[in-house]
Amino acid sequence: MGKHYTYTMKVGDKKLTLKDFKPIFDEYNKKYFYGKLGDCKFMWLLSKGPLGTYIYDNGVSTIGINRKPNHPVTDEYLEKVIYTK
């Protein structure tokens, strides 16, 4: 078996895992969507495309966040990921 890697996204001096995005999602869900999005799962996207994507399919919500190792992650960046239309 190969090695298991835990991907992270550097935010300032912190390294966030997917689990760390749950409270951020909850905050932005309340702030922008009035809590209507419900629970969702998170995944890393490894493309050069958009900052991220929100998918709702058959009652399941998924947020994909692009990992851009050299891109600083700020509140503005996360707002664009979650709130881009």
PDB file of N, CA and C in Angstrom:
ATOM      1  N   MET A   1       0.833  -1.189   0.000  1.00  0.00           N
ATOM      2  CA  MET A   1       0.000   0.000   0.000  1.00  0.00           C
ATOM      3  C   MET A   1       0.872   1.244   0.000  1.00  0.00           C
ATOM      4  N   GLY A   2       0.372   2.293  -0.638  1.00  0.00           N
ATOM      5  CA  GLY A   2       1.084   3.564  -0.673  1.00  0.00           C
ATOM      6  C   GLY A   2       0.881   4.351   0.607  1.00  0.00           C
ATOM      7  N   LYS A   3       1.557   5.452   0.661  1.00  0.00           N
ATOM      8  CA  LYS A   3       1.434   6.333   1.815  1.00  0.00           C
ATOM      9  C   LYS A   3       0.093   7.048   1.784  1.00  0.00           C
ATOM     10  N   HIS A   4      -0.426   7.322   2.974  1.00  0.00           N
ATOM     11  CA  HIS A   4      -1.657   8.100   3.096  1.00  0.00           C
ATOM     12  C   HIS A   4      -1.269   9.547   3.365  1.00  0.00           C
ATOM     13  N   TYR A   5      -1.742  10.449   2.531  1.00  0.00           N
ATOM     14  CA  TYR A   5      -1.429  11.858   2.693  1.00  0.00           C
ATOM     15  C   TYR A   5      -2.660  12.607   3.174  1.00  0.00           C
ATOM     16  N   THR A   6      -2.477  13.500   4.116  1.00  0.00           N
ATOM     17  CA  THR A   6      -3.538  14.398   4.533  1.00  0.00           C
ATOM     18  C   THR A   6      -3.240  15.749   3.911  1.00  0.00           C
ATOM     19  N   TYR A   7      -4.058  16.133   2.958  1.00  0.00           N
ATOM     20  CA  TYR A   7      -3.843  17.406   2.293  1.00  0.00           C
ATOM     21  C   TYR A   7      -4.276  18.541   3.198  1.00  0.00           C
ATOM     22  N   THR A   8      -3.564  19.638   3.106  1.00  0.00           N
ATOM     23  CA  THR A   8      -3.887  20.818   3.895  1.00  0.00           C
ATOM     24  C   THR A   8      -3.848  22.052   3.007  1.00  0.00           C
ATOM     25  N   MET A   9      -4.453  23.109   3.497  1.00  0.00           N
ATOM     26  CA  MET A   9      -4.395  24.404   2.840  1.00  0.00           C
ATOM     27  C   MET A   9      -3.842  25.381   3.854  1.00  0.00           C
ATOM     28  N   LYS A  10      -2.788  26.069   3.493  1.00  0.00           N
ATOM     29  CA  LYS A  10      -2.161  27.000   4.417  1.00  0.00           C
ATOM     30  C   LYS A  10      -2.957  28.302   4.457  1.00  0.00           C
ATOM     31  N   VAL A  11      -3.336  28.707   5.660  1.00  0.00           N
ATOM     32  CA  VAL A  11      -4.059  29.953   5.888  1.00  0.00           C
ATOM     33  C   VAL A  11      -3.290  30.719   6.950  1.00  0.00           C
ATOM     34  N   GLY A  12      -2.559  31.729   6.537  1.00  0.00           N
ATOM     35  CA  GLY A  12      -1.696  32.439   7.480  1.00  0.00           C
ATOM     36  C   GLY A  12      -0.641  31.489   8.000  1.00  0.00           C
ATOM     37  N   ASP A  13      -0.583  31.322   9.316  1.00  0.00           N
ATOM     38  CA  ASP A  13       0.382  30.390   9.903  1.00  0.00           C
ATOM     39  C   ASP A  13      -0.246  29.043  10.232  1.00  0.00           C
ATOM     40  N   LYS A  14      -1.507  28.820   9.823  1.00  0.00           N
ATOM     41  CA  LYS A  14      -2.217  27.570  10.104  1.00  0.00           C
ATOM     42  C   LYS A  14      -2.288  26.704   8.850  1.00  0.00           C
ATOM     43  N   LYS A  15      -2.407  25.405   9.064  1.00  0.00           N
ATOM     44  CA  LYS A  15      -2.669  24.476   7.968  1.00  0.00           C
ATOM     45  C   LYS A  15      -4.028  23.839   8.232  1.00  0.00           C
ATOM     46  N   LEU A  16      -4.969  24.081   7.334  1.00  0.00           N
ATOM     47  CA  LEU A  16      -6.321  23.581   7.508  1.00  0.00           C
ATOM     48  C   LEU A  16      -6.519  22.274   6.757  1.00  0.00           C
ATOM     49  N   THR A  17      -7.223  21.339   7.401  1.00  0.00           N
ATOM     50  CA  THR A  17      -7.654  20.116   6.738  1.00  0.00           C
ATOM     51  C   THR A  17      -9.119  20.303   6.360  1.00  0.00           C
ATOM     52  N   LEU A  18      -9.692  19.338   5.675  1.00  0.00           N
ATOM     53  CA  LEU A  18     -11.100  19.458   5.300  1.00  0.00           C
ATOM     54  C   LEU A  18     -12.002  19.588   6.522  1.00  0.00           C
ATOM     55  N   LYS A  19     -11.660  18.914   7.614  1.00  0.00           N
ATOM     56  CA  LYS A  19     -12.477  18.999   8.833  1.00  0.00           C
ATOM     57  C   LYS A  19     -12.536  20.419   9.372  1.00  0.00           C
ATOM     58  N   ASP A  20     -11.478  21.189   9.157  1.00  0.00           N
ATOM     59  CA  ASP A  20     -11.434  22.565   9.647  1.00  0.00           C
ATOM     60  C   ASP A  20     -12.391  23.489   8.898  1.00  0.00           C
ATOM     61  N   PHE A  21     -12.858  23.073   7.728  1.00  0.00           N
ATOM     62  CA  PHE A  21     -13.748  23.924   6.952  1.00  0.00           C
ATOM     63  C   PHE A  21     -15.205  23.845   7.411  1.00  0.00           C
ATOM     64  N   LYS A  22     -15.561  22.853   8.207  1.00  0.00           N
ATOM     65  CA  LYS A  22     -16.945  22.706   8.677  1.00  0.00           C
ATOM     66  C   LYS A  22     -17.424  23.941   9.434  1.00  0.00           C
ATOM     67  N   PRO A  23     -16.697  24.424  10.469  1.00  0.00           N
ATOM     68  CA  PRO A  23     -17.183  25.621  11.159  1.00  0.00           C
ATOM     69  C   PRO A  23     -17.187  26.862  10.261  1.00  0.00           C
ATOM     70  N   ILE A  24     -16.248  26.927   9.316  1.00  0.00           N
ATOM     71  CA  ILE A  24     -16.235  28.053   8.379  1.00  0.00           C
ATOM     72  C   ILE A  24     -17.479  27.988   7.494  1.00  0.00           C
ATOM     73  N   PHE A  25     -17.802  26.781   7.004  1.00  0.00           N
ATOM     74  CA  PHE A  25     -19.004  26.596   6.196  1.00  0.00           C
ATOM     75  C   PHE A  25     -20.242  26.990   6.982  1.00  0.00           C
ATOM     76  N   ASP A  26     -20.328  26.536   8.236  1.00  0.00           N
ATOM     77  CA  ASP A  26     -21.498  26.858   9.055  1.00  0.00           C
ATOM     78  C   ASP A  26     -21.672  28.368   9.202  1.00  0.00           C
ATOM     79  N   GLU A  27     -20.565  29.066   9.435  1.00  0.00           N
ATOM     80  CA  GLU A  27     -20.613  30.527   9.576  1.00  0.00           C
ATOM     81  C   GLU A  27     -21.090  31.193   8.284  1.00  0.00           C
ATOM     82  N   TYR A  28     -20.519  30.784   7.141  1.00  0.00           N
ATOM     83  CA  TYR A  28     -20.888  31.395   5.864  1.00  0.00           C
ATOM     84  C   TYR A  28     -22.294  30.982   5.439  1.00  0.00           C
ATOM     85  N   ASN A  29     -22.704  29.768   5.791  1.00  0.00           N
ATOM     86  CA  ASN A  29     -24.062  29.313   5.501  1.00  0.00           C
ATOM     87  C   ASN A  29     -25.070  30.231   6.192  1.00  0.00           C
ATOM     88  N   LYS A  30     -24.820  30.533   7.452  1.00  0.00           N
ATOM     89  CA  LYS A  30     -25.715  31.437   8.187  1.00  0.00           C
ATOM     90  C   LYS A  30     -25.649  32.851   7.620  1.00  0.00           C
ATOM     91  N   LYS A  31     -24.429  33.315   7.309  1.00  0.00           N
ATOM     92  CA  LYS A  31     -24.212  34.693   6.866  1.00  0.00           C
ATOM     93  C   LYS A  31     -24.818  34.972   5.491  1.00  0.00           C
ATOM     94  N   TYR A  32     -24.633  34.061   4.550  1.00  0.00           N
ATOM     95  CA  TYR A  32     -25.051  34.312   3.174  1.00  0.00           C
ATOM     96  C   TYR A  32     -26.308  33.571   2.741  1.00  0.00           C
ATOM     97  N   PHE A  33     -26.593  32.417   3.356  1.00  0.00           N
ATOM     98  CA  PHE A  33     -27.704  31.588   2.901  1.00  0.00           C
ATOM     99  C   PHE A  33     -28.749  31.355   3.982  1.00  0.00           C
ATOM    100  N   TYR A  34     -28.629  32.073   5.093  1.00  0.00           N
ATOM    101  CA  TYR A  34     -29.590  31.989   6.198  1.00  0.00           C
ATOM    102  C   TYR A  34     -29.774  30.557   6.697  1.00  0.00           C
ATOM    103  N   GLY A  35     -28.709  29.756   6.648  1.00  0.00           N
ATOM    104  CA  GLY A  35     -28.723  28.393   7.172  1.00  0.00           C
ATOM    105  C   GLY A  35     -29.464  27.388   6.321  1.00  0.00           C
ATOM    106  N   LYS A  36     -29.812  27.731   5.092  1.00  0.00           N
ATOM    107  CA  LYS A  36     -30.637  26.856   4.249  1.00  0.00           C
ATOM    108  C   LYS A  36     -29.876  25.740   3.552  1.00  0.00           C
ATOM    109  N   LEU A  37     -28.540  25.783   3.544  1.00  0.00           N
ATOM    110  CA  LEU A  37     -27.789  24.774   2.797  1.00  0.00           C
ATOM    111  C   LEU A  37     -27.742  23.423   3.487  1.00  0.00           C
ATOM    112  N   GLY A  38     -27.919  23.366   4.786  1.00  0.00           N
ATOM    113  CA  GLY A  38     -27.865  22.092   5.492  1.00  0.00           C
ATOM    114  C   GLY A  38     -26.447  21.553   5.572  1.00  0.00           C
ATOM    115  N   ASP A  39     -26.322  20.302   5.993  1.00  0.00           N
ATOM    116  CA  ASP A  39     -25.002  19.678   6.109  1.00  0.00           C
ATOM    117  C   ASP A  39     -24.445  19.358   4.729  1.00  0.00           C
ATOM    118  N   CYS A  40     -23.135  19.296   4.645  1.00  0.00           N
ATOM    119  CA  CYS A  40     -22.518  18.921   3.379  1.00  0.00           C
ATOM    120  C   CYS A  40     -21.189  18.236   3.642  1.00  0.00           C
ATOM    121  N   LYS A  41     -20.681  17.589   2.604  1.00  0.00           N
ATOM    122  CA  LYS A  41     -19.355  16.986   2.696  1.00  0.00           C
ATOM    123  C   LYS A  41     -18.388  17.861   1.911  1.00  0.00           C
ATOM    124  N   PHE A  42     -17.110  17.749   2.225  1.00  0.00           N
ATOM    125  CA  PHE A  42     -16.083  18.570   1.594  1.00  0.00           C
ATOM    126  C   PHE A  42     -15.088  17.674   0.868  1.00  0.00           C
ATOM    127  N   MET A  43     -14.506  18.197  -0.210  1.00  0.00           N
ATOM    128  CA  MET A  43     -13.475  17.458  -0.932  1.00  0.00           C
ATOM    129  C   MET A  43     -12.498  18.460  -1.531  1.00  0.00           C
ATOM    130  N   TRP A  44     -11.276  18.002  -1.761  1.00  0.00           N
ATOM    131  CA  TRP A  44     -10.273  18.830  -2.436  1.00  0.00           C
ATOM    132  C   TRP A  44     -10.420  18.651  -3.930  1.00  0.00           C
ATOM    133  N   LEU A  45     -10.287  19.725  -4.675  1.00  0.00           N
ATOM    134  CA  LEU A  45     -10.228  19.673  -6.128  1.00  0.00           C
ATOM    135  C   LEU A  45      -8.796  19.981  -6.531  1.00  0.00           C
ATOM    136  N   LEU A  46      -8.284  19.269  -7.489  1.00  0.00           N
ATOM    137  CA  LEU A  46      -6.900  19.465  -7.907  1.00  0.00           C
ATOM    138  C   LEU A  46      -6.830  19.988  -9.336  1.00  0.00           C
ATOM    139  N   SER A  47      -7.645  20.969  -9.631  1.00  0.00           N
ATOM    140  CA  SER A  47      -7.661  21.518 -10.986  1.00  0.00           C
ATOM    141  C   SER A  47      -7.224  22.977 -10.971  1.00  0.00           C
ATOM    142  N   LYS A  48      -7.021  23.518 -12.157  1.00  0.00           N
ATOM    143  CA  LYS A  48      -6.647  24.923 -12.284  1.00  0.00           C
ATOM    144  C   LYS A  48      -7.868  25.780 -12.588  1.00  0.00           C
ATOM    145  N   GLY A  49      -9.038  25.211 -12.452  1.00  0.00           N
ATOM    146  CA  GLY A  49     -10.268  25.912 -12.786  1.00  0.00           C
ATOM    147  C   GLY A  49     -10.704  26.902 -11.719  1.00  0.00           C
ATOM    148  N   PRO A  50     -12.008  26.949 -11.440  1.00  0.00           N
ATOM    149  CA  PRO A  50     -12.532  27.920 -10.488  1.00  0.00           C
ATOM    150  C   PRO A  50     -11.993  27.688  -9.076  1.00  0.00           C
ATOM    151  N   LEU A  51     -12.238  28.651  -8.220  1.00  0.00           N
ATOM    152  CA  LEU A  51     -11.775  28.546  -6.836  1.00  0.00           C
ATOM    153  C   LEU A  51     -12.378  27.350  -6.121  1.00  0.00           C
ATOM    154  N   GLY A  52     -13.599  27.039  -6.463  1.00  0.00           N
ATOM    155  CA  GLY A  52     -14.265  25.914  -5.829  1.00  0.00           C
ATOM    156  C   GLY A  52     -15.640  25.747  -6.435  1.00  0.00           C
ATOM    157  N   THR A  53     -16.389  24.800  -5.916  1.00  0.00           N
ATOM    158  CA  THR A  53     -17.718  24.562  -6.453  1.00  0.00           C
ATOM    159  C   THR A  53     -18.629  24.035  -5.358  1.00  0.00           C
ATOM    160  N   TYR A  54     -19.907  24.351  -5.474  1.00  0.00           N
ATOM    161  CA  TYR A  54     -20.929  23.815  -4.582  1.00  0.00           C
ATOM    162  C   TYR A  54     -21.848  22.965  -5.437  1.00  0.00           C
ATOM    163  N   ILE A  55     -22.061  21.720  -5.024  1.00  0.00           N
ATOM    164  CA  ILE A  55     -22.890  20.790  -5.783  1.00  0.00           C
ATOM    165  C   ILE A  55     -24.016  20.308  -4.883  1.00  0.00           C
ATOM    166  N   TYR A  56     -25.246  20.337  -5.399  1.00  0.00           N
ATOM    167  CA  TYR A  56     -26.392  19.787  -4.679  1.00  0.00           C
ATOM    168  C   TYR A  56     -27.037  18.775  -5.599  1.00  0.00           C
ATOM    169  N   ASP A  57     -27.041  17.507  -5.189  1.00  0.00           N
ATOM    170  CA  ASP A  57     -27.567  16.451  -6.041  1.00  0.00           C
ATOM    171  C   ASP A  57     -28.304  15.435  -5.185  1.00  0.00           C
ATOM    172  N   ASN A  58     -29.568  15.236  -5.467  1.00  0.00           N
ATOM    173  CA  ASN A  58     -30.389  14.255  -4.747  1.00  0.00           C
ATOM    174  C   ASN A  58     -30.295  14.410  -3.233  1.00  0.00           C
ATOM    175  N   GLY A  59     -30.354  15.643  -2.760  1.00  0.00           N
ATOM    176  CA  GLY A  59     -30.353  15.896  -1.320  1.00  0.00           C
ATOM    177  C   GLY A  59     -28.992  15.893  -0.665  1.00  0.00           C
ATOM    178  N   VAL A  60     -27.923  15.722  -1.445  1.00  0.00           N
ATOM    179  CA  VAL A  60     -26.572  15.698  -0.882  1.00  0.00           C
ATOM    180  C   VAL A  60     -25.818  16.942  -1.339  1.00  0.00           C
ATOM    181  N   SER A  61     -25.308  17.690  -0.373  1.00  0.00           N
ATOM    182  CA  SER A  61     -24.519  18.883  -0.680  1.00  0.00           C
ATOM    183  C   SER A  61     -23.043  18.544  -0.598  1.00  0.00           C
ATOM    184  N   THR A  62     -22.273  19.040  -1.557  1.00  0.00           N
ATOM    185  CA  THR A  62     -20.826  18.834  -1.570  1.00  0.00           C
ATOM    186  C   THR A  62     -20.157  20.157  -1.920  1.00  0.00           C
ATOM    187  N   ILE A  63     -19.106  20.489  -1.188  1.00  0.00           N
ATOM    188  CA  ILE A  63     -18.299  21.654  -1.531  1.00  0.00           C
ATOM    189  C   ILE A  63     -16.920  21.163  -1.895  1.00  0.00           C
ATOM    190  N   GLY A  64     -16.461  21.552  -3.081  1.00  0.00           N
ATOM    191  CA  GLY A  64     -15.106  21.238  -3.518  1.00  0.00           C
ATOM    192  C   GLY A  64     -14.274  22.500  -3.460  1.00  0.00           C
ATOM    193  N   ILE A  65     -13.109  22.433  -2.855  1.00  0.00           N
ATOM    194  CA  ILE A  65     -12.232  23.587  -2.717  1.00  0.00           C
ATOM    195  C   ILE A  65     -10.931  23.291  -3.441  1.00  0.00           C
ATOM    196  N   ASN A  66     -10.571  24.159  -4.370  1.00  0.00           N
ATOM    197  CA  ASN A  66      -9.308  23.978  -5.081  1.00  0.00           C
ATOM    198  C   ASN A  66      -8.134  24.212  -4.152  1.00  0.00           C
ATOM    199  N   ARG A  67      -7.174  23.324  -4.216  1.00  0.00           N
ATOM    200  CA  ARG A  67      -5.934  23.479  -3.443  1.00  0.00           C
ATOM    201  C   ARG A  67      -4.957  24.240  -4.311  1.00  0.00           C
ATOM    202  N   LYS A  68      -4.658  25.443  -3.920  1.00  0.00           N
ATOM    203  CA  LYS A  68      -3.673  26.249  -4.636  1.00  0.00           C
ATOM    204  C   LYS A  68      -2.584  26.579  -3.631  1.00  0.00           C
ATOM    205  N   PRO A  69      -1.542  25.762  -3.578  1.00  0.00           N
ATOM    206  CA  PRO A  69      -0.545  25.867  -2.511  1.00  0.00           C
ATOM    207  C   PRO A  69       0.100  27.231  -2.371  1.00  0.00           C
ATOM    208  N   ASN A  70       0.276  27.960  -3.456  1.00  0.00           N
ATOM    209  CA  ASN A  70       0.944  29.253  -3.371  1.00  0.00           C
ATOM    210  C   ASN A  70      -0.022  30.427  -3.293  1.00  0.00           C
ATOM    211  N   HIS A  71      -1.303  30.144  -3.201  1.00  0.00           N
ATOM    212  CA  HIS A  71      -2.304  31.203  -3.151  1.00  0.00           C
ATOM    213  C   HIS A  71      -2.678  31.463  -1.698  1.00  0.00           C
ATOM    214  N   PRO A  72      -2.555  32.718  -1.238  1.00  0.00           N
ATOM    215  CA  PRO A  72      -2.937  32.997   0.148  1.00  0.00           C
ATOM    216  C   PRO A  72      -4.441  32.822   0.335  1.00  0.00           C
ATOM    217  N   VAL A  73      -4.831  32.197   1.421  1.00  0.00           N
ATOM    218  CA  VAL A  73      -6.243  31.992   1.706  1.00  0.00           C
ATOM    219  C   VAL A  73      -6.672  33.044   2.712  1.00  0.00           C
ATOM    220  N   THR A  74      -7.599  33.867   2.300  1.00  0.00           N
ATOM    221  CA  THR A  74      -8.113  34.935   3.146  1.00  0.00           C
ATOM    222  C   THR A  74      -9.618  34.771   3.269  1.00  0.00           C
ATOM    223  N   ASP A  75     -10.239  35.582   4.117  1.00  0.00           N
ATOM    224  CA  ASP A  75     -11.696  35.562   4.191  1.00  0.00           C
ATOM    225  C   ASP A  75     -12.306  35.882   2.832  1.00  0.00           C
ATOM    226  N   GLU A  76     -11.686  36.803   2.104  1.00  0.00           N
ATOM    227  CA  GLU A  76     -12.196  37.171   0.783  1.00  0.00           C
ATOM    228  C   GLU A  76     -12.133  35.980  -0.178  1.00  0.00           C
ATOM    229  N   TYR A  77     -11.049  35.215  -0.112  1.00  0.00           N
ATOM    230  CA  TYR A  77     -10.899  34.023  -0.952  1.00  0.00           C
ATOM    231  C   TYR A  77     -12.006  33.018  -0.633  1.00  0.00           C
ATOM    232  N   LEU A  78     -12.221  32.750   0.660  1.00  0.00           N
ATOM    233  CA  LEU A  78     -13.248  31.784   1.044  1.00  0.00           C
ATOM    234  C   LEU A  78     -14.637  32.287   0.669  1.00  0.00           C
ATOM    235  N   GLU A  79     -14.879  33.587   0.780  1.00  0.00           N
ATOM    236  CA  GLU A  79     -16.164  34.132   0.357  1.00  0.00           C
ATOM    237  C   GLU A  79     -16.380  33.891  -1.130  1.00  0.00           C
ATOM    238  N   LYS A  80     -15.326  34.054  -1.934  1.00  0.00           N
ATOM    239  CA  LYS A  80     -15.446  33.810  -3.370  1.00  0.00           C
ATOM    240  C   LYS A  80     -15.747  32.343  -3.648  1.00  0.00           C
ATOM    241  N   VAL A  81     -15.101  31.438  -2.909  1.00  0.00           N
ATOM    242  CA  VAL A  81     -15.342  30.005  -3.101  1.00  0.00           C
ATOM    243  C   VAL A  81     -16.792  29.672  -2.797  1.00  0.00           C
ATOM    244  N   ILE A  82     -17.302  30.183  -1.692  1.00  0.00           N
ATOM    245  CA  ILE A  82     -18.634  29.798  -1.234  1.00  0.00           C
ATOM    246  C   ILE A  82     -19.727  30.631  -1.896  1.00  0.00           C
ATOM    247  N   TYR A  83     -19.441  31.847  -2.276  1.00  0.00           N
ATOM    248  CA  TYR A  83     -20.498  32.759  -2.715  1.00  0.00           C
ATOM    249  C   TYR A  83     -20.432  33.115  -4.194  1.00  0.00           C
ATOM    250  N   THR A  84     -19.495  32.561  -4.959  1.00  0.00           N
ATOM    251  CA  THR A  84     -19.415  32.856  -6.389  1.00  0.00           C
ATOM    252  C   THR A  84     -20.628  32.276  -7.100  1.00  0.00           C
ATOM    253  N   LYS A  85     -21.231  33.075  -7.938  1.00  0.00           N
ATOM    254  CA  LYS A  85     -22.416  32.615  -8.680  1.00  0.00           C
ATOM    255  C   LYS A  85     -22.018  32.144 -10.058  1.00  0.00           C
TER     256      LYS A  85
END
